[in-house]
Amino acid sequence: MDTPEIREYETIAAKVGGKYKLAVLLQKRMAELMFGAPPLVENPTKDLFETALREVAEDKLTLADPSENVQPSVIIPRRRRLEPDRDD
């Protein structure tokens, strides 16, 4: 899939409720892909943005309704804050 034109981005953004929600969804999905989640589209590219965008465009990925209590498909490890050693 070639990079979509502006009209296509607007169409894709409308599927998830706007460009800001699309940006959040793509960022979270790219993080999942980076940490090993399997792609939901055939023939994924090495470009995580394009893969995530194709997943949304092909209706394989959408935002969950907050009232549904949906768990993330992949747990993304957070950086642990390092605390200085204490000599008690």
N, C-alpha and C. Protein backbone atom coordinates (compact mmCIF):
# COMPACT_ATOMS: atom_id res chain seq x y z
N MET A 1 0.85 -1.18 0.00
CA MET A 1 0.00 0.00 0.00
C MET A 1 0.89 1.23 0.00
N ASP A 2 0.64 2.13 -0.93
CA ASP A 2 1.39 3.37 -0.97
C ASP A 2 0.91 4.28 0.16
N THR A 3 1.72 5.26 0.48
CA THR A 3 1.33 6.20 1.52
C THR A 3 0.05 6.91 1.09
N PRO A 4 -0.96 6.92 1.95
CA PRO A 4 -2.24 7.52 1.58
C PRO A 4 -2.14 9.03 1.37
N GLU A 5 -2.99 9.54 0.52
CA GLU A 5 -3.09 10.99 0.30
C GLU A 5 -3.85 11.61 1.46
N ILE A 6 -3.89 12.93 1.52
CA ILE A 6 -4.55 13.65 2.61
C ILE A 6 -6.00 13.23 2.77
N ARG A 7 -6.74 13.10 1.66
CA ARG A 7 -8.15 12.70 1.76
C ARG A 7 -8.29 11.32 2.39
N GLU A 8 -7.35 10.44 2.08
CA GLU A 8 -7.40 9.10 2.67
C GLU A 8 -7.13 9.16 4.17
N TYR A 9 -6.20 10.03 4.60
CA TYR A 9 -5.95 10.19 6.03
C TYR A 9 -7.21 10.68 6.73
N GLU A 10 -7.91 11.63 6.11
CA GLU A 10 -9.14 12.16 6.69
C GLU A 10 -10.20 11.07 6.81
N THR A 11 -10.28 10.21 5.81
CA THR A 11 -11.24 9.09 5.84
C THR A 11 -10.87 8.11 6.95
N ILE A 12 -9.59 7.81 7.06
CA ILE A 12 -9.13 6.88 8.10
C ILE A 12 -9.36 7.50 9.48
N ALA A 13 -9.07 8.79 9.64
CA ALA A 13 -9.27 9.47 10.92
C ALA A 13 -10.74 9.46 11.31
N ALA A 14 -11.63 9.60 10.34
CA ALA A 14 -13.06 9.60 10.63
C ALA A 14 -13.51 8.25 11.20
N LYS A 15 -12.83 7.17 10.82
CA LYS A 15 -13.19 5.84 11.32
C LYS A 15 -13.02 5.73 12.84
N VAL A 16 -12.06 6.48 13.40
CA VAL A 16 -11.77 6.35 14.83
C VAL A 16 -12.19 7.59 15.62
N GLY A 17 -12.79 8.57 14.94
CA GLY A 17 -13.30 9.72 15.68
C GLY A 17 -12.46 10.98 15.58
N GLY A 18 -11.54 11.05 14.65
CA GLY A 18 -10.78 12.28 14.46
C GLY A 18 -9.29 12.05 14.39
N LYS A 19 -8.59 13.11 13.97
CA LYS A 19 -7.15 12.98 13.74
C LYS A 19 -6.36 12.80 15.03
N TYR A 20 -6.84 13.38 16.14
CA TYR A 20 -6.11 13.23 17.39
C TYR A 20 -6.24 11.81 17.95
N LYS A 21 -7.44 11.26 17.85
CA LYS A 21 -7.63 9.87 18.28
C LYS A 21 -6.83 8.93 17.39
N LEU A 22 -6.78 9.23 16.10
CA LEU A 22 -5.97 8.42 15.18
C LEU A 22 -4.50 8.47 15.58
N ALA A 23 -4.01 9.65 15.90
CA ALA A 23 -2.61 9.79 16.30
C ALA A 23 -2.30 8.96 17.54
N VAL A 24 -3.19 9.00 18.53
CA VAL A 24 -3.00 8.22 19.76
C VAL A 24 -3.04 6.73 19.45
N LEU A 25 -4.01 6.32 18.66
CA LEU A 25 -4.15 4.91 18.31
C LEU A 25 -2.91 4.40 17.57
N LEU A 26 -2.43 5.18 16.61
CA LEU A 26 -1.24 4.77 15.86
C LEU A 26 -0.02 4.69 16.76
N GLN A 27 0.14 5.65 17.65
CA GLN A 27 1.30 5.63 18.55
C GLN A 27 1.27 4.40 19.45
N LYS A 28 0.11 4.10 20.00
CA LYS A 28 0.01 2.93 20.88
C LYS A 28 0.22 1.63 20.11
N ARG A 29 -0.33 1.56 18.90
CA ARG A 29 -0.18 0.34 18.11
C ARG A 29 1.27 0.16 17.65
N MET A 30 1.93 1.27 17.28
CA MET A 30 3.33 1.17 16.88
C MET A 30 4.18 0.67 18.06
N ALA A 31 3.87 1.11 19.26
CA ALA A 31 4.60 0.63 20.44
C ALA A 31 4.36 -0.86 20.62
N GLU A 32 3.12 -1.32 20.45
CA GLU A 32 2.83 -2.75 20.55
C GLU A 32 3.63 -3.54 19.52
N LEU A 33 3.65 -3.06 18.29
CA LEU A 33 4.40 -3.75 17.23
C LEU A 33 5.89 -3.78 17.56
N MET A 34 6.39 -2.67 18.09
CA MET A 34 7.81 -2.59 18.43
C MET A 34 8.18 -3.60 19.51
N PHE A 35 7.23 -3.89 20.42
CA PHE A 35 7.49 -4.84 21.50
C PHE A 35 7.06 -6.26 21.16
N GLY A 36 6.78 -6.52 19.88
CA GLY A 36 6.58 -7.91 19.46
C GLY A 36 5.17 -8.35 19.14
N ALA A 37 4.19 -7.47 19.17
CA ALA A 37 2.83 -7.87 18.81
C ALA A 37 2.79 -8.24 17.32
N PRO A 38 2.04 -9.27 16.97
CA PRO A 38 1.98 -9.66 15.56
C PRO A 38 1.15 -8.66 14.75
N PRO A 39 1.58 -8.36 13.53
CA PRO A 39 0.80 -7.46 12.67
C PRO A 39 -0.55 -8.09 12.32
N LEU A 40 -1.55 -7.26 12.13
CA LEU A 40 -2.90 -7.73 11.80
C LEU A 40 -3.19 -7.69 10.31
N VAL A 41 -2.21 -7.27 9.51
CA VAL A 41 -2.39 -7.19 8.06
C VAL A 41 -1.41 -8.13 7.37
N GLU A 42 -1.77 -8.53 6.16
CA GLU A 42 -0.87 -9.37 5.38
C GLU A 42 0.24 -8.52 4.80
N ASN A 43 1.41 -9.09 4.66
CA ASN A 43 2.57 -8.42 4.09
C ASN A 43 2.88 -7.08 4.76
N PRO A 44 3.10 -7.09 6.08
CA PRO A 44 3.42 -5.84 6.75
C PRO A 44 4.77 -5.30 6.29
N THR A 45 4.94 -4.00 6.37
CA THR A 45 6.21 -3.39 6.00
C THR A 45 7.07 -3.23 7.25
N LYS A 46 8.31 -2.84 7.06
CA LYS A 46 9.18 -2.57 8.21
C LYS A 46 8.82 -1.24 8.87
N ASP A 47 8.08 -0.41 8.14
CA ASP A 47 7.64 0.88 8.66
C ASP A 47 6.44 0.65 9.58
N LEU A 48 6.64 0.80 10.88
CA LEU A 48 5.58 0.53 11.85
C LEU A 48 4.39 1.46 11.67
N PHE A 49 4.66 2.71 11.29
CA PHE A 49 3.57 3.66 11.06
C PHE A 49 2.67 3.18 9.94
N GLU A 50 3.27 2.77 8.84
CA GLU A 50 2.48 2.31 7.70
C GLU A 50 1.70 1.04 8.05
N THR A 51 2.32 0.14 8.78
CA THR A 51 1.63 -1.09 9.18
C THR A 51 0.43 -0.77 10.06
N ALA A 52 0.62 0.09 11.06
CA ALA A 52 -0.48 0.46 11.95
C ALA A 52 -1.58 1.20 11.19
N LEU A 53 -1.19 2.08 10.28
CA LEU A 53 -2.17 2.82 9.49
C LEU A 53 -2.97 1.88 8.60
N ARG A 54 -2.31 0.89 8.01
CA ARG A 54 -3.03 -0.11 7.19
C ARG A 54 -4.01 -0.90 8.05
N GLU A 55 -3.62 -1.22 9.29
CA GLU A 55 -4.52 -1.96 10.18
C GLU A 55 -5.81 -1.18 10.43
N VAL A 56 -5.68 0.12 10.62
CA VAL A 56 -6.87 0.95 10.82
C VAL A 56 -7.66 1.07 9.52
N ALA A 57 -6.96 1.30 8.41
CA ALA A 57 -7.63 1.46 7.11
C ALA A 57 -8.41 0.21 6.72
N GLU A 58 -7.88 -0.96 7.09
CA GLU A 58 -8.53 -2.23 6.75
C GLU A 58 -9.49 -2.71 7.84
N ASP A 59 -9.84 -1.82 8.77
CA ASP A 59 -10.79 -2.11 9.86
C ASP A 59 -10.37 -3.28 10.73
N LYS A 60 -9.06 -3.46 10.90
CA LYS A 60 -8.56 -4.53 11.77
C LYS A 60 -8.21 -3.99 13.15
N LEU A 61 -8.29 -2.66 13.29
CA LEU A 61 -7.89 -2.02 14.53
C LEU A 61 -8.73 -0.77 14.71
N THR A 62 -9.26 -0.58 15.91
CA THR A 62 -10.04 0.61 16.22
C THR A 62 -9.90 0.91 17.69
N LEU A 63 -10.36 2.08 18.09
CA LEU A 63 -10.33 2.44 19.51
C LEU A 63 -11.46 1.73 20.23
N ALA A 64 -11.20 1.27 21.42
CA ALA A 64 -12.23 0.62 22.22
C ALA A 64 -13.06 1.69 22.93
N ASP A 65 -14.30 1.39 23.15
CA ASP A 65 -15.17 2.25 23.94
C ASP A 65 -14.71 2.14 25.39
N PRO A 66 -14.45 3.26 26.07
CA PRO A 66 -13.93 3.19 27.45
C PRO A 66 -14.83 2.41 28.40
N SER A 67 -16.11 2.32 28.10
CA SER A 67 -17.03 1.59 28.99
C SER A 67 -16.94 0.08 28.83
N GLU A 68 -16.15 -0.41 27.87
CA GLU A 68 -16.08 -1.84 27.60
C GLU A 68 -15.04 -2.59 28.43
N ASN A 69 -14.20 -1.89 29.20
CA ASN A 69 -13.15 -2.53 30.01
C ASN A 69 -12.27 -3.47 29.18
N VAL A 70 -11.80 -3.01 28.06
CA VAL A 70 -10.95 -3.82 27.18
C VAL A 70 -9.52 -3.74 27.68
N GLN A 71 -8.85 -4.88 27.77
CA GLN A 71 -7.46 -4.93 28.17
C GLN A 71 -6.57 -4.78 26.94
N PRO A 72 -5.40 -4.17 27.09
CA PRO A 72 -4.51 -4.04 25.94
C PRO A 72 -4.07 -5.41 25.44
N SER A 73 -3.82 -5.49 24.13
CA SER A 73 -3.42 -6.77 23.56
C SER A 73 -2.00 -7.14 23.96
N VAL A 74 -1.18 -6.16 24.21
CA VAL A 74 0.20 -6.40 24.60
C VAL A 74 0.52 -5.47 25.76
N ILE A 75 1.17 -5.99 26.76
CA ILE A 75 1.60 -5.14 27.87
C ILE A 75 2.90 -4.47 27.46
N ILE A 76 2.89 -3.17 27.43
CA ILE A 76 4.08 -2.42 27.05
C ILE A 76 4.85 -2.09 28.32
N PRO A 77 6.07 -2.60 28.43
CA PRO A 77 6.83 -2.33 29.65
C PRO A 77 7.15 -0.85 29.77
N ARG A 78 6.97 -0.33 30.95
CA ARG A 78 7.32 1.05 31.21
C ARG A 78 8.71 1.11 31.80
N ARG A 79 9.37 2.20 31.55
CA ARG A 79 10.69 2.35 32.14
C ARG A 79 10.55 2.50 33.64
N ARG A 80 11.36 1.77 34.34
CA ARG A 80 11.33 1.86 35.79
C ARG A 80 12.20 3.02 36.23
N ARG A 81 11.68 3.80 37.12
CA ARG A 81 12.45 4.92 37.63
C ARG A 81 13.46 4.38 38.62
N LEU A 82 14.70 4.72 38.41
CA LEU A 82 15.74 4.24 39.30
C LEU A 82 15.84 5.13 40.53
N GLU A 83 15.77 4.53 41.65
CA GLU A 83 15.89 5.24 42.92
C GLU A 83 17.30 5.06 43.44
N PRO A 84 17.86 6.08 44.06
CA PRO A 84 19.19 5.93 44.63
C PRO A 84 19.19 4.90 45.77
N ASP A 85 20.28 4.19 45.90
CA ASP A 85 20.39 3.23 46.99
C ASP A 85 20.37 3.97 48.32
N ARG A 86 19.68 3.39 49.26
CA ARG A 86 19.63 3.99 50.59
C ARG A 86 20.42 3.13 51.55
N ASP A 87 21.19 3.76 52.35
CA ASP A 87 21.93 3.06 53.40
C ASP A 87 21.17 3.22 54.70
N ASP A 88 20.33 2.23 55.04
CA ASP A 88 19.53 2.30 56.28
C ASP A 88 20.27 1.66 57.42
